[in-house]
N, C-alpha and C. Protein backbone atom coordinates (compact mmCIF):
# COMPACT_ATOMS: atom_id res chain seq x y z
N UNK A 1 87.76 100.93 107.55
CA UNK A 1 88.48 100.99 108.80
C UNK A 1 89.58 99.94 108.82
N UNK A 2 90.76 100.34 109.21
CA UNK A 2 91.88 99.42 109.28
C UNK A 2 91.80 98.59 110.56
N UNK A 3 92.16 97.34 110.43
CA UNK A 3 92.22 96.42 111.56
C UNK A 3 93.63 95.86 111.65
N UNK A 4 93.99 95.41 112.82
CA UNK A 4 95.31 94.82 113.03
C UNK A 4 95.15 93.44 113.63
N UNK A 5 96.04 92.56 113.27
CA UNK A 5 96.00 91.21 113.81
C UNK A 5 97.24 90.44 113.41
N UNK A 6 97.19 89.15 113.71
CA UNK A 6 98.30 88.29 113.30
C UNK A 6 97.75 87.04 112.63
N UNK A 7 98.56 86.47 111.77
CA UNK A 7 98.16 85.27 111.05
C UNK A 7 98.19 84.10 112.03
N UNK A 8 97.04 83.49 112.23
CA UNK A 8 96.96 82.33 113.12
C UNK A 8 97.52 81.10 112.40
N UNK A 9 97.11 80.94 111.14
CA UNK A 9 97.68 79.90 110.30
C UNK A 9 97.42 80.23 108.83
N UNK A 10 98.29 79.70 107.98
CA UNK A 10 98.14 79.85 106.55
C UNK A 10 98.58 78.56 105.88
N UNK A 11 97.72 77.99 105.06
CA UNK A 11 98.02 76.75 104.36
C UNK A 11 98.47 77.11 102.94
N UNK A 12 99.77 77.11 102.74
CA UNK A 12 100.38 77.52 101.47
C UNK A 12 99.85 76.69 100.30
N UNK A 13 99.73 75.41 100.48
CA UNK A 13 99.30 74.51 99.41
C UNK A 13 97.91 74.85 98.90
N UNK A 14 96.99 75.16 99.83
CA UNK A 14 95.62 75.47 99.45
C UNK A 14 95.38 76.96 99.22
N UNK A 15 96.27 77.80 99.74
CA UNK A 15 96.18 79.24 99.51
C UNK A 15 95.19 79.99 100.37
N UNK A 16 94.91 79.50 101.57
CA UNK A 16 94.01 80.23 102.46
C UNK A 16 94.48 80.11 103.90
N UNK A 17 93.95 81.01 104.75
CA UNK A 17 94.34 81.00 106.14
C UNK A 17 93.38 81.80 107.00
N UNK A 18 93.77 81.97 108.27
CA UNK A 18 92.95 82.67 109.24
C UNK A 18 93.80 83.70 109.99
N UNK A 19 93.22 84.88 110.18
CA UNK A 19 93.84 85.96 110.94
C UNK A 19 93.01 86.17 112.20
N UNK A 20 93.69 86.49 113.31
CA UNK A 20 93.00 86.82 114.55
C UNK A 20 93.34 88.26 114.91
N UNK A 21 92.30 89.07 115.19
CA UNK A 21 92.55 90.45 115.58
C UNK A 21 92.77 90.53 117.09
N UNK A 22 92.96 91.74 117.62
CA UNK A 22 93.27 91.92 119.03
C UNK A 22 92.10 91.58 119.95
N UNK A 23 90.89 91.44 119.39
CA UNK A 23 89.72 91.07 120.19
C UNK A 23 89.45 89.57 120.15
N UNK A 24 90.27 88.83 119.40
CA UNK A 24 90.08 87.39 119.29
C UNK A 24 89.15 86.98 118.16
N UNK A 25 88.71 87.92 117.34
CA UNK A 25 87.83 87.62 116.22
C UNK A 25 88.65 87.04 115.07
N UNK A 26 88.14 85.97 114.48
CA UNK A 26 88.84 85.32 113.37
C UNK A 26 88.30 85.81 112.03
N UNK A 27 89.22 85.98 111.07
CA UNK A 27 88.89 86.43 109.72
C UNK A 27 89.55 85.48 108.72
N UNK A 28 88.81 85.11 107.70
CA UNK A 28 89.30 84.24 106.64
C UNK A 28 89.98 85.08 105.55
N UNK A 29 91.05 84.56 104.97
CA UNK A 29 91.65 85.22 103.80
C UNK A 29 92.19 84.17 102.86
N UNK A 30 92.33 84.55 101.59
CA UNK A 30 92.96 83.66 100.63
C UNK A 30 94.13 84.38 99.96
N UNK A 31 94.85 83.65 99.13
CA UNK A 31 96.10 84.19 98.56
C UNK A 31 95.89 85.40 97.67
N UNK A 32 94.67 85.65 97.20
CA UNK A 32 94.43 86.78 96.32
C UNK A 32 94.59 88.13 97.03
N UNK A 33 94.51 88.17 98.35
CA UNK A 33 94.64 89.43 99.09
C UNK A 33 96.05 89.66 99.65
N UNK A 34 96.94 88.71 99.43
CA UNK A 34 98.32 88.82 99.93
C UNK A 34 99.15 89.60 98.92
N UNK A 35 99.92 90.60 99.38
CA UNK A 35 100.82 91.31 98.46
C UNK A 35 101.75 90.32 97.76
N UNK A 36 102.01 90.52 96.48
CA UNK A 36 102.70 89.53 95.66
C UNK A 36 104.11 89.18 96.14
N UNK A 37 104.78 90.09 96.81
CA UNK A 37 106.17 89.81 97.21
C UNK A 37 106.28 89.34 98.67
N UNK A 38 105.17 89.00 99.30
CA UNK A 38 105.19 88.62 100.72
C UNK A 38 104.82 87.16 100.89
N UNK A 39 105.44 86.52 101.88
CA UNK A 39 105.10 85.15 102.25
C UNK A 39 104.32 85.19 103.55
N UNK A 40 103.34 84.34 103.67
CA UNK A 40 102.54 84.26 104.89
C UNK A 40 102.96 83.06 105.70
N UNK A 41 103.01 83.26 107.00
CA UNK A 41 103.23 82.16 107.92
C UNK A 41 102.65 82.56 109.27
N UNK A 42 102.54 81.63 110.15
CA UNK A 42 101.95 81.87 111.46
C UNK A 42 102.72 82.94 112.22
N UNK A 43 101.98 83.88 112.84
CA UNK A 43 102.60 84.90 113.66
C UNK A 43 102.91 86.22 112.97
N UNK A 44 102.72 86.30 111.66
CA UNK A 44 103.01 87.53 110.92
C UNK A 44 102.01 88.61 111.33
N UNK A 45 102.50 89.78 111.66
CA UNK A 45 101.66 90.91 112.05
C UNK A 45 101.19 91.63 110.79
N UNK A 46 99.87 91.87 110.70
CA UNK A 46 99.31 92.49 109.51
C UNK A 46 98.31 93.58 109.86
N UNK A 47 98.09 94.46 108.88
CA UNK A 47 97.01 95.42 108.90
C UNK A 47 96.07 94.96 107.78
N UNK A 48 94.76 95.00 108.01
CA UNK A 48 93.86 94.48 107.00
C UNK A 48 92.53 95.22 106.96
N UNK A 49 91.87 95.10 105.81
CA UNK A 49 90.53 95.64 105.61
C UNK A 49 89.55 94.47 105.54
N UNK A 50 88.38 94.65 106.13
CA UNK A 50 87.35 93.63 106.09
C UNK A 50 86.51 93.81 104.83
N UNK A 51 86.16 92.71 104.19
CA UNK A 51 85.34 92.75 102.98
C UNK A 51 83.87 92.84 103.38
N UNK A 52 83.22 94.00 103.16
CA UNK A 52 81.82 94.16 103.56
C UNK A 52 80.83 93.45 102.64
N UNK A 53 81.27 93.01 101.47
CA UNK A 53 80.38 92.37 100.51
C UNK A 53 80.02 90.94 100.89
N UNK A 54 80.85 90.30 101.70
CA UNK A 54 80.60 88.91 102.10
C UNK A 54 80.02 88.92 103.50
N UNK A 55 78.80 88.43 103.63
CA UNK A 55 78.09 88.52 104.90
C UNK A 55 78.14 87.24 105.72
N UNK A 56 78.32 86.08 105.09
CA UNK A 56 78.28 84.80 105.80
C UNK A 56 79.49 84.57 106.69
N UNK A 57 80.65 85.00 106.24
CA UNK A 57 81.92 84.77 106.94
C UNK A 57 82.69 86.08 106.97
N UNK A 58 83.41 86.32 108.04
CA UNK A 58 84.27 87.52 108.09
C UNK A 58 85.48 87.28 107.19
N UNK A 59 85.58 88.07 106.13
CA UNK A 59 86.65 87.90 105.15
C UNK A 59 87.47 89.18 105.02
N UNK A 60 88.71 89.00 104.65
CA UNK A 60 89.64 90.11 104.46
C UNK A 60 89.70 90.47 102.99
N UNK A 61 89.69 91.77 102.69
CA UNK A 61 89.76 92.22 101.30
C UNK A 61 91.15 92.74 100.91
N UNK A 62 91.96 93.11 101.89
CA UNK A 62 93.31 93.63 101.61
C UNK A 62 94.19 93.40 102.83
N UNK A 63 95.42 92.97 102.58
CA UNK A 63 96.40 92.74 103.65
C UNK A 63 97.64 93.59 103.41
N UNK A 64 98.14 94.21 104.47
CA UNK A 64 99.44 94.87 104.46
C UNK A 64 100.28 94.20 105.53
N UNK A 65 101.41 93.62 105.14
CA UNK A 65 102.28 92.96 106.10
C UNK A 65 103.09 94.02 106.82
N UNK A 66 102.99 94.02 108.15
CA UNK A 66 103.73 95.00 108.95
C UNK A 66 105.07 94.43 109.40
N UNK A 67 105.06 93.23 109.91
CA UNK A 67 106.30 92.61 110.39
C UNK A 67 106.16 91.11 110.45
N UNK A 68 107.19 90.40 110.08
CA UNK A 68 107.25 88.96 110.25
C UNK A 68 108.09 88.68 111.48
N UNK A 69 107.43 88.35 112.59
CA UNK A 69 108.17 88.16 113.83
C UNK A 69 107.36 87.31 114.79
N UNK A 70 107.94 87.07 115.96
CA UNK A 70 107.24 86.31 116.98
C UNK A 70 106.07 87.12 117.52
N UNK A 71 105.15 86.48 118.22
CA UNK A 71 103.96 87.17 118.70
C UNK A 71 104.30 88.29 119.69
N UNK A 72 105.24 88.08 120.57
CA UNK A 72 105.59 89.10 121.57
C UNK A 72 106.17 90.32 120.89
N UNK A 73 107.12 90.12 119.98
CA UNK A 73 107.69 91.28 119.31
C UNK A 73 106.69 91.88 118.33
N UNK A 74 105.76 91.08 117.82
CA UNK A 74 104.71 91.61 116.94
C UNK A 74 103.81 92.56 117.70
N UNK A 75 103.50 92.25 118.93
CA UNK A 75 102.67 93.14 119.76
C UNK A 75 103.41 94.45 120.00
N UNK A 76 104.70 94.37 120.29
CA UNK A 76 105.49 95.58 120.48
C UNK A 76 105.51 96.42 119.21
N UNK A 77 105.67 95.77 118.06
CA UNK A 77 105.67 96.47 116.78
C UNK A 77 104.32 97.16 116.54
N UNK A 78 103.24 96.48 116.89
CA UNK A 78 101.91 97.06 116.72
C UNK A 78 101.74 98.30 117.57
N UNK A 79 102.21 98.25 118.81
CA UNK A 79 102.11 99.41 119.71
C UNK A 79 102.91 100.58 119.13
N UNK A 80 104.12 100.33 118.67
CA UNK A 80 104.94 101.38 118.08
C UNK A 80 104.27 101.96 116.82
N UNK A 81 103.70 101.09 116.01
CA UNK A 81 103.04 101.52 114.78
C UNK A 81 101.85 102.43 115.10
N UNK A 82 101.03 102.04 116.08
CA UNK A 82 99.87 102.84 116.48
C UNK A 82 100.31 104.19 117.05
N UNK A 83 101.41 104.21 117.82
CA UNK A 83 101.92 105.45 118.38
C UNK A 83 102.36 106.40 117.27
N UNK A 84 102.99 105.88 116.23
CA UNK A 84 103.40 106.71 115.11
C UNK A 84 102.19 107.28 114.39
N UNK A 85 101.15 106.50 114.26
CA UNK A 85 99.93 106.98 113.61
C UNK A 85 99.31 108.11 114.42
N UNK A 86 99.33 108.01 115.74
CA UNK A 86 98.77 109.06 116.58
C UNK A 86 99.55 110.35 116.44
N UNK A 87 100.86 110.27 116.35
CA UNK A 87 101.70 111.46 116.19
C UNK A 87 101.38 112.16 114.88
N UNK A 88 101.21 111.39 113.79
CA UNK A 88 100.93 111.98 112.49
C UNK A 88 99.52 112.53 112.38
N UNK A 89 98.60 112.03 113.18
CA UNK A 89 97.21 112.48 113.08
C UNK A 89 96.92 113.73 113.92
N UNK A 90 97.86 114.12 114.77
CA UNK A 90 97.65 115.30 115.63
C UNK A 90 97.94 116.56 114.86
């Protein structure tokens, strides 16, 4: 199942960060799940998959960067993205 959220913080030097979804749940990720041509920073809107193999901590297994923008415009982008998905699924 795909989830949506934004990067709360990412520590480039150490290669890990935290994503928050629309329910306020935090997910850990490291640089291995970031697409090779993308940079992570606070506020980036992403689509992600949760790693079911790790039970102790909520971890991300795959990230797709949707938009690098401010939180307000990121929310607008998410709404537009979800609306497009609904149109294609009908």
